[in-house]
PDB file of N, CA and C in Angstrom:
ATOM      1  N   UNK A   1     106.925  36.742 102.144  1.00  0.00           N
ATOM      2  CA  UNK A   1     106.259  38.030 102.145  1.00  0.00           C
ATOM      3  C   UNK A   1     105.284  38.128 103.301  1.00  0.00           C
ATOM      4  N   UNK A   2     104.616  37.029 103.626  1.00  0.00           N
ATOM      5  CA  UNK A   2     103.658  37.046 104.723  1.00  0.00           C
ATOM      6  C   UNK A   2     104.337  37.346 106.044  1.00  0.00           C
ATOM      7  N   UNK A   3     105.539  36.845 106.231  1.00  0.00           N
ATOM      8  CA  UNK A   3     106.231  37.093 107.494  1.00  0.00           C
ATOM      9  C   UNK A   3     106.635  38.558 107.624  1.00  0.00           C
ATOM     10  N   UNK A   4     106.918  39.218 106.486  1.00  0.00           N
ATOM     11  CA  UNK A   4     107.278  40.636 106.525  1.00  0.00           C
ATOM     12  C   UNK A   4     106.110  41.485 107.008  1.00  0.00           C
ATOM     13  N   UNK A   5     104.908  41.209 106.534  1.00  0.00           N
ATOM     14  CA  UNK A   5     103.749  41.995 106.926  1.00  0.00           C
ATOM     15  C   UNK A   5     103.296  41.697 108.346  1.00  0.00           C
ATOM     16  N   UNK A   6     103.690  40.579 108.904  1.00  0.00           N
ATOM     17  CA  UNK A   6     103.339  40.244 110.281  1.00  0.00           C
ATOM     18  C   UNK A   6     104.296  40.898 111.278  1.00  0.00           C
ATOM     19  N   UNK A   7     105.403  41.382 110.806  1.00  0.00           N
ATOM     20  CA  UNK A   7     106.436  41.964 111.668  1.00  0.00           C
ATOM     21  C   UNK A   7     106.008  43.349 112.157  1.00  0.00           C
ATOM     22  N   UNK A   8     106.240  43.638 113.440  1.00  0.00           N
ATOM     23  CA  UNK A   8     105.879  44.945 114.017  1.00  0.00           C
ATOM     24  C   UNK A   8     106.699  46.082 113.416  1.00  0.00           C
ATOM     25  N   UNK A   9     107.926  45.816 113.113  1.00  0.00           N
ATOM     26  CA  UNK A   9     108.781  46.838 112.514  1.00  0.00           C
ATOM     27  C   UNK A   9     108.237  47.224 111.146  1.00  0.00           C
ATOM     28  N   UNK A  10     107.760  46.267 110.401  1.00  0.00           N
ATOM     29  CA  UNK A  10     107.185  46.554 109.088  1.00  0.00           C
ATOM     30  C   UNK A  10     105.934  47.414 109.240  1.00  0.00           C
ATOM     31  N   UNK A  11     105.118  47.118 110.219  1.00  0.00           N
ATOM     32  CA  UNK A  11     103.923  47.920 110.477  1.00  0.00           C
ATOM     33  C   UNK A  11     104.318  49.359 110.833  1.00  0.00           C
ATOM     34  N   UNK A  12     105.348  49.487 111.649  1.00  0.00           N
ATOM     35  CA  UNK A  12     105.836  50.812 112.044  1.00  0.00           C
ATOM     36  C   UNK A  12     106.350  51.589 110.828  1.00  0.00           C
ATOM     37  N   UNK A  13     107.069  50.927 109.960  1.00  0.00           N
ATOM     38  CA  UNK A  13     107.602  51.574 108.755  1.00  0.00           C
ATOM     39  C   UNK A  13     106.460  52.019 107.850  1.00  0.00           C
ATOM     40  N   UNK A  14     105.484  51.161 107.656  1.00  0.00           N
ATOM     41  CA  UNK A  14     104.344  51.501 106.805  1.00  0.00           C
ATOM     42  C   UNK A  14     103.545  52.650 107.411  1.00  0.00           C
ATOM     43  N   UNK A  15     103.300  52.591 108.719  1.00  0.00           N
ATOM     44  CA  UNK A  15     102.557  53.661 109.396  1.00  0.00           C
ATOM     45  C   UNK A  15     103.299  54.986 109.300  1.00  0.00           C
ATOM     46  N   UNK A  16     104.603  54.957 109.468  1.00  0.00           N
ATOM     47  CA  UNK A  16     105.416  56.175 109.368  1.00  0.00           C
ATOM     48  C   UNK A  16     105.354  56.749 107.952  1.00  0.00           C
ATOM     49  N   UNK A  17     105.419  55.894 106.946  1.00  0.00           N
ATOM     50  CA  UNK A  17     105.355  56.354 105.554  1.00  0.00           C
ATOM     51  C   UNK A  17     103.992  56.972 105.248  1.00  0.00           C
ATOM     52  N   UNK A  18     102.927  56.343 105.742  1.00  0.00           N
ATOM     53  CA  UNK A  18     101.581  56.879 105.510  1.00  0.00           C
ATOM     54  C   UNK A  18     101.429  58.228 106.207  1.00  0.00           C
ATOM     55  N   UNK A  19     101.900  58.336 107.436  1.00  0.00           N
ATOM     56  CA  UNK A  19     101.828  59.618 108.167  1.00  0.00           C
ATOM     57  C   UNK A  19     102.628  60.703 107.450  1.00  0.00           C
ATOM     58  N   UNK A  20     103.812  60.361 106.966  1.00  0.00           N
ATOM     59  CA  UNK A  20     104.634  61.342 106.255  1.00  0.00           C
ATOM     60  C   UNK A  20     103.928  61.808 104.981  1.00  0.00           C
ATOM     61  N   UNK A  21     103.284  60.881 104.287  1.00  0.00           N
ATOM     62  CA  UNK A  21     102.552  61.256 103.067  1.00  0.00           C
ATOM     63  C   UNK A  21     101.376  62.169 103.399  1.00  0.00           C
ATOM     64  N   UNK A  22     100.651  61.850 104.469  1.00  0.00           N
ATOM     65  CA  UNK A  22      99.514  62.696 104.873  1.00  0.00           C
ATOM     66  C   UNK A  22      99.975  64.092 105.285  1.00  0.00           C
ATOM     67  N   UNK A  23     101.077  64.175 105.982  1.00  0.00           N
ATOM     68  CA  UNK A  23     101.617  65.483 106.387  1.00  0.00           C
ATOM     69  C   UNK A  23     102.037  66.276 105.154  1.00  0.00           C
ATOM     70  N   UNK A  24     102.682  65.611 104.201  1.00  0.00           N
ATOM     71  CA  UNK A  24     103.104  66.303 102.975  1.00  0.00           C
ATOM     72  C   UNK A  24     101.896  66.843 102.208  1.00  0.00           C
ATOM     73  N   UNK A  25     100.844  66.048 102.112  1.00  0.00           N
ATOM     74  CA  UNK A  25      99.629  66.500 101.431  1.00  0.00           C
ATOM     75  C   UNK A  25      99.011  67.681 102.187  1.00  0.00           C
ATOM     76  N   UNK A  26      99.000  67.613 103.516  1.00  0.00           N
ATOM     77  CA  UNK A  26      98.458  68.710 104.322  1.00  0.00           C
ATOM     78  C   UNK A  26      99.241  70.001 104.139  1.00  0.00           C
ATOM     79  N   UNK A  27     100.555  69.901 104.151  1.00  0.00           N
ATOM     80  CA  UNK A  27     101.400  71.090 103.961  1.00  0.00           C
ATOM     81  C   UNK A  27     101.165  71.688 102.579  1.00  0.00           C
ATOM     82  N   UNK A  28     101.060  70.841 101.575  1.00  0.00           N
ATOM     83  CA  UNK A  28     100.793  71.313 100.212  1.00  0.00           C
ATOM     84  C   UNK A  28      99.448  72.032 100.137  1.00  0.00           C
ATOM     85  N   UNK A  29      98.422  71.441 100.765  1.00  0.00           N
ATOM     86  CA  UNK A  29      97.085  72.048 100.733  1.00  0.00           C
ATOM     87  C   UNK A  29      97.075  73.403 101.431  1.00  0.00           C
ATOM     88  N   UNK A  30      97.718  73.493 102.579  1.00  0.00           N
ATOM     89  CA  UNK A  30      97.771  74.766 103.309  1.00  0.00           C
ATOM     90  C   UNK A  30      98.519  75.816 102.496  1.00  0.00           C
ATOM     91  N   UNK A  31      99.604  75.422 101.863  1.00  0.00           N
ATOM     92  CA  UNK A  31     100.368  76.375 101.044  1.00  0.00           C
ATOM     93  C   UNK A  31      99.531  76.876  99.873  1.00  0.00           C
ATOM     94  N   UNK A  32      98.756  75.994  99.252  1.00  0.00           N
ATOM     95  CA  UNK A  32      97.904  76.406  98.137  1.00  0.00           C
ATOM     96  C   UNK A  32      96.826  77.376  98.599  1.00  0.00           C
ATOM     97  N   UNK A  33      96.212  77.089  99.751  1.00  0.00           N
ATOM     98  CA  UNK A  33      95.148  77.953 100.265  1.00  0.00           C
ATOM     99  C   UNK A  33      95.717  79.314 100.640  1.00  0.00           C
ATOM    100  N   UNK A  34      96.821  79.317 101.336  1.00  0.00           N
ATOM    101  CA  UNK A  34      97.422  80.601 101.722  1.00  0.00           C
ATOM    102  C   UNK A  34      97.872  81.397 100.509  1.00  0.00           C
ATOM    103  N   UNK A  35      98.426  80.742  99.536  1.00  0.00           N
ATOM    104  CA  UNK A  35      98.839  81.421  98.306  1.00  0.00           C
ATOM    105  C   UNK A  35      97.648  81.992  97.572  1.00  0.00           C
ATOM    106  N   UNK A  36      96.566  81.271  97.545  1.00  0.00           N
ATOM    107  CA  UNK A  36      95.349  81.739  96.897  1.00  0.00           C
ATOM    108  C   UNK A  36      94.757  82.932  97.598  1.00  0.00           C
ATOM    109  N   UNK A  37      94.826  82.933  98.916  1.00  0.00           N
ATOM    110  CA  UNK A  37      94.304  84.068  99.666  1.00  0.00           C
ATOM    111  C   UNK A  37      95.141  85.316  99.439  1.00  0.00           C
ATOM    112  N   UNK A  38      96.421  85.148  99.338  1.00  0.00           N
ATOM    113  CA  UNK A  38      97.286  86.301  99.094  1.00  0.00           C
ATOM    114  C   UNK A  38      97.036  86.889  97.717  1.00  0.00           C
ATOM    115  N   UNK A  39      96.724  86.039  96.747  1.00  0.00           N
ATOM    116  CA  UNK A  39      96.473  86.527  95.399  1.00  0.00           C
ATOM    117  C   UNK A  39      95.174  87.304  95.288  1.00  0.00           C
ATOM    118  N   UNK A  40      94.203  86.989  96.154  1.00  0.00           N
ATOM    119  CA  UNK A  40      92.903  87.651  96.063  1.00  0.00           C
ATOM    120  C   UNK A  40      92.839  88.938  96.873  1.00  0.00           C
ATOM    121  N   UNK A  41      93.921  89.308  97.481  1.00  0.00           N
ATOM    122  CA  UNK A  41      93.935  90.523  98.283  1.00  0.00           C
ATOM    123  C   UNK A  41      93.798  91.738  97.363  1.00  0.00           C
ATOM    124  N   UNK A  42      92.781  92.551  97.604  1.00  0.00           N
ATOM    125  CA  UNK A  42      92.515  93.705  96.748  1.00  0.00           C
ATOM    126  C   UNK A  42      93.362  94.889  97.187  1.00  0.00           C
ATOM    127  N   UNK A  43      93.795  95.673  96.214  1.00  0.00           N
ATOM    128  CA  UNK A  43      94.486  96.895  96.577  1.00  0.00           C
ATOM    129  C   UNK A  43      93.446  97.986  96.832  1.00  0.00           C
ATOM    130  N   UNK A  44      93.894  99.055  97.433  1.00  0.00           N
ATOM    131  CA  UNK A  44      92.973 100.099  97.892  1.00  0.00           C
ATOM    132  C   UNK A  44      92.214 100.745  96.744  1.00  0.00           C
ATOM    133  N   UNK A  45      92.842 100.923  95.601  1.00  0.00           N
ATOM    134  CA  UNK A  45      92.141 101.567  94.481  1.00  0.00           C
ATOM    135  C   UNK A  45      90.994 100.687  93.979  1.00  0.00           C
ATOM    136  N   UNK A  46      91.201  99.360  93.972  1.00  0.00           N
ATOM    137  CA  UNK A  46      90.111  98.450  93.594  1.00  0.00           C
ATOM    138  C   UNK A  46      88.967  98.535  94.598  1.00  0.00           C
ATOM    139  N   UNK A  47      89.330  98.611  95.881  1.00  0.00           N
ATOM    140  CA  UNK A  47      88.294  98.702  96.913  1.00  0.00           C
ATOM    141  C   UNK A  47      87.491  99.997  96.787  1.00  0.00           C
ATOM    142  N   UNK A  48      88.178 101.108  96.534  1.00  0.00           N
ATOM    143  CA  UNK A  48      87.470 102.377  96.379  1.00  0.00           C
ATOM    144  C   UNK A  48      86.512 102.296  95.194  1.00  0.00           C
ATOM    145  N   UNK A  49      86.961 101.686  94.111  1.00  0.00           N
ATOM    146  CA  UNK A  49      86.102 101.535  92.935  1.00  0.00           C
ATOM    147  C   UNK A  49      84.865 100.701  93.263  1.00  0.00           C
ATOM    148  N   UNK A  50      85.064  99.603  93.980  1.00  0.00           N
ATOM    149  CA  UNK A  50      83.929  98.748  94.347  1.00  0.00           C
ATOM    150  C   UNK A  50      82.958  99.482  95.265  1.00  0.00           C
ATOM    151  N   UNK A  51      83.499 100.202  96.255  1.00  0.00           N
ATOM    152  CA  UNK A  51      82.626 100.942  97.169  1.00  0.00           C
ATOM    153  C   UNK A  51      81.915 102.094  96.446  1.00  0.00           C
ATOM    154  N   UNK A  52      82.578 102.697  95.452  1.00  0.00           N
ATOM    155  CA  UNK A  52      81.938 103.747  94.667  1.00  0.00           C
ATOM    156  C   UNK A  52      80.734 103.174  93.910  1.00  0.00           C
ATOM    157  N   UNK A  53      80.897 101.985  93.361  1.00  0.00           N
ATOM    158  CA  UNK A  53      79.782 101.328  92.672  1.00  0.00           C
ATOM    159  C   UNK A  53      78.636 101.020  93.641  1.00  0.00           C
ATOM    160  N   UNK A  54      78.982 100.538  94.825  1.00  0.00           N
ATOM    161  CA  UNK A  54      77.953 100.242  95.832  1.00  0.00           C
ATOM    162  C   UNK A  54      77.240 101.516  96.245  1.00  0.00           C
ATOM    163  N   UNK A  55      77.993 102.596  96.394  1.00  0.00           N
ATOM    164  CA  UNK A  55      77.412 103.888  96.747  1.00  0.00           C
ATOM    165  C   UNK A  55      76.487 104.370  95.634  1.00  0.00           C
ATOM    166  N   UNK A  56      76.923 104.180  94.384  1.00  0.00           N
ATOM    167  CA  UNK A  56      76.111 104.579  93.246  1.00  0.00           C
ATOM    168  C   UNK A  56      74.797 103.804  93.159  1.00  0.00           C
ATOM    169  N   UNK A  57      74.820 102.572  93.641  1.00  0.00           N
ATOM    170  CA  UNK A  57      73.599 101.766  93.644  1.00  0.00           C
ATOM    171  C   UNK A  57      72.668 102.130  94.794  1.00  0.00           C
ATOM    172  N   UNK A  58      73.149 102.972  95.698  1.00  0.00           N
ATOM    173  CA  UNK A  58      72.327 103.421  96.814  1.00  0.00           C
ATOM    174  C   UNK A  58      72.408 102.554  98.054  1.00  0.00           C
ATOM    175  N   UNK A  59      73.351 101.606  98.080  1.00  0.00           N
ATOM    176  CA  UNK A  59      73.477 100.729  99.233  1.00  0.00           C
ATOM    177  C   UNK A  59      74.363 101.317 100.335  1.00  0.00           C
ATOM    178  N   UNK A  60      75.057 102.411 100.046  1.00  0.00           N
ATOM    179  CA  UNK A  60      75.859 103.134 101.040  1.00  0.00           C
ATOM    180  C   UNK A  60      75.415 104.589 101.068  1.00  0.00           C
ATOM    181  N   UNK A  61      75.359 105.137 102.273  1.00  0.00           N
ATOM    182  CA  UNK A  61      75.036 106.559 102.378  1.00  0.00           C
ATOM    183  C   UNK A  61      76.271 107.373 102.014  1.00  0.00           C
ATOM    184  N   UNK A  62      76.084 108.677 101.804  1.00  0.00           N
ATOM    185  CA  UNK A  62      77.221 109.562 101.516  1.00  0.00           C
ATOM    186  C   UNK A  62      78.226 109.533 102.656  1.00  0.00           C
ATOM    187  N   UNK A  63      77.720 109.558 103.886  1.00  0.00           N
ATOM    188  CA  UNK A  63      78.606 109.561 105.059  1.00  0.00           C
ATOM    189  C   UNK A  63      79.413 108.265 105.140  1.00  0.00           C
ATOM    190  N   UNK A  64      78.778 107.129 104.892  1.00  0.00           N
ATOM    191  CA  UNK A  64      79.494 105.856 104.925  1.00  0.00           C
ATOM    192  C   UNK A  64      80.573 105.811 103.844  1.00  0.00           C
ATOM    193  N   UNK A  65      80.238 106.295 102.662  1.00  0.00           N
ATOM    194  CA  UNK A  65      81.209 106.292 101.571  1.00  0.00           C
ATOM    195  C   UNK A  65      82.390 107.205 101.888  1.00  0.00           C
ATOM    196  N   UNK A  66      82.134 108.387 102.460  1.00  0.00           N
ATOM    197  CA  UNK A  66      83.232 109.294 102.842  1.00  0.00           C
ATOM    198  C   UNK A  66      84.123 108.642 103.900  1.00  0.00           C
ATOM    199  N   UNK A  67      83.515 107.956 104.856  1.00  0.00           N
ATOM    200  CA  UNK A  67      84.288 107.284 105.906  1.00  0.00           C
ATOM    201  C   UNK A  67      85.188 106.215 105.305  1.00  0.00           C
ATOM    202  N   UNK A  68      84.649 105.428 104.393  1.00  0.00           N
ATOM    203  CA  UNK A  68      85.431 104.373 103.750  1.00  0.00           C
ATOM    204  C   UNK A  68      86.578 104.970 102.946  1.00  0.00           C
ATOM    205  N   UNK A  69      86.305 106.040 102.187  1.00  0.00           N
ATOM    206  CA  UNK A  69      87.368 106.681 101.413  1.00  0.00           C
ATOM    207  C   UNK A  69      88.462 107.218 102.321  1.00  0.00           C
ATOM    208  N   UNK A  70      88.063 107.787 103.457  1.00  0.00           N
ATOM    209  CA  UNK A  70      89.046 108.312 104.405  1.00  0.00           C
ATOM    210  C   UNK A  70      89.928 107.194 104.946  1.00  0.00           C
ATOM    211  N   UNK A  71      89.312 106.069 105.278  1.00  0.00           N
ATOM    212  CA  UNK A  71      90.079 104.936 105.808  1.00  0.00           C
ATOM    213  C   UNK A  71      91.014 104.346 104.757  1.00  0.00           C
ATOM    214  N   UNK A  72      90.572 104.323 103.522  1.00  0.00           N
ATOM    215  CA  UNK A  72      91.401 103.751 102.461  1.00  0.00           C
ATOM    216  C   UNK A  72      92.439 104.726 101.921  1.00  0.00           C
ATOM    217  N   UNK A  73      92.322 105.994 102.246  1.00  0.00           N
ATOM    218  CA  UNK A  73      93.273 106.989 101.740  1.00  0.00           C
ATOM    219  C   UNK A  73      94.696 106.675 102.191  1.00  0.00           C
ATOM    220  N   UNK A  74      94.846 106.236 103.439  1.00  0.00           N
ATOM    221  CA  UNK A  74      96.170 105.864 103.939  1.00  0.00           C
ATOM    222  C   UNK A  74      96.764 104.708 103.159  1.00  0.00           C
ATOM    223  N   UNK A  75      95.940 103.726 102.857  1.00  0.00           N
ATOM    224  CA  UNK A  75      96.427 102.584 102.074  1.00  0.00           C
ATOM    225  C   UNK A  75      96.788 102.998 100.655  1.00  0.00           C
ATOM    226  N   UNK A  76      96.012 103.919 100.085  1.00  0.00           N
ATOM    227  CA  UNK A  76      96.329 104.413  98.741  1.00  0.00           C
ATOM    228  C   UNK A  76      97.693 105.096  98.720  1.00  0.00           C
ATOM    229  N   UNK A  77      97.961 105.903  99.752  1.00  0.00           N
ATOM    230  CA  UNK A  77      99.260 106.583  99.848  1.00  0.00           C
ATOM    231  C   UNK A  77     100.396 105.569  99.956  1.00  0.00           C
ATOM    232  N   UNK A  78     100.212 104.554 100.808  1.00  0.00           N
ATOM    233  CA  UNK A  78     101.246 103.533 100.982  1.00  0.00           C
ATOM    234  C   UNK A  78     101.493 102.776  99.680  1.00  0.00           C
ATOM    235  N   UNK A  79     100.418 102.420  98.979  1.00  0.00           N
ATOM    236  CA  UNK A  79     100.569 101.689  97.721  1.00  0.00           C
ATOM    237  C   UNK A  79     101.254 102.538  96.656  1.00  0.00           C
ATOM    238  N   UNK A  80     100.939 103.826  96.611  1.00  0.00           N
ATOM    239  CA  UNK A  80     101.575 104.679  95.608  1.00  0.00           C
ATOM    240  C   UNK A  80     103.058 104.871  95.918  1.00  0.00           C
ATOM    241  N   UNK A  81     103.404 104.983  97.198  1.00  0.00           N
ATOM    242  CA  UNK A  81     104.819 105.096  97.573  1.00  0.00           C
ATOM    243  C   UNK A  81     105.567 103.811  97.242  1.00  0.00           C
ATOM    244  N   UNK A  82     104.931 102.652  97.513  1.00  0.00           N
ATOM    245  CA  UNK A  82     105.547 101.374  97.222  1.00  0.00           C
ATOM    246  C   UNK A  82     105.772 101.204  95.720  1.00  0.00           C
ATOM    247  N   UNK A  83     104.796 101.654  94.928  1.00  0.00           N
ATOM    248  CA  UNK A  83     104.899 101.581  93.468  1.00  0.00           C
ATOM    249  C   UNK A  83     106.022 102.487  92.971  1.00  0.00           C
ATOM    250  N   UNK A  84     106.127 103.674  93.549  1.00  0.00           N
ATOM    251  CA  UNK A  84     107.189 104.604  93.143  1.00  0.00           C
ATOM    252  C   UNK A  84     108.566 104.039  93.468  1.00  0.00           C
ATOM    253  N   UNK A  85     108.699 103.353  94.619  1.00  0.00           N
ATOM    254  CA  UNK A  85     109.977 102.778  95.012  1.00  0.00           C
ATOM    255  C   UNK A  85     110.372 101.627  94.102  1.00  0.00           C
ATOM    256  N   UNK A  86     109.386 100.878  93.602  1.00  0.00           N
ATOM    257  CA  UNK A  86     109.679  99.734  92.725  1.00  0.00           C
ATOM    258  C   UNK A  86     110.112 100.193  91.342  1.00  0.00           C
ATOM    259  N   UNK A  87     109.653 101.346  90.908  1.00  0.00           N
ATOM    260  CA  UNK A  87     109.999 101.852  89.569  1.00  0.00           C
ATOM    261  C   UNK A  87     111.350 102.445  89.581  1.00  0.00           C
TER     262      UNK A  87
END
């Protein structure tokens, strides 16, 4: 057994296996993070509700709230069309 661990080929095999394991763990971690980020993506109606609450608390002016609603209106239309197509 001692002669096997002294062999350069054995070191290369072990190093390759460790690198492959580290790459697999890295790919898994990135996939989990990206999947988690996709799940937390808010739809436009949720965003409008949140901004309405912020506006109600006085942290947004009327003009800022109107601007945000205008910007999100396009996304609301797209989401409603997408929902209609799925049904």
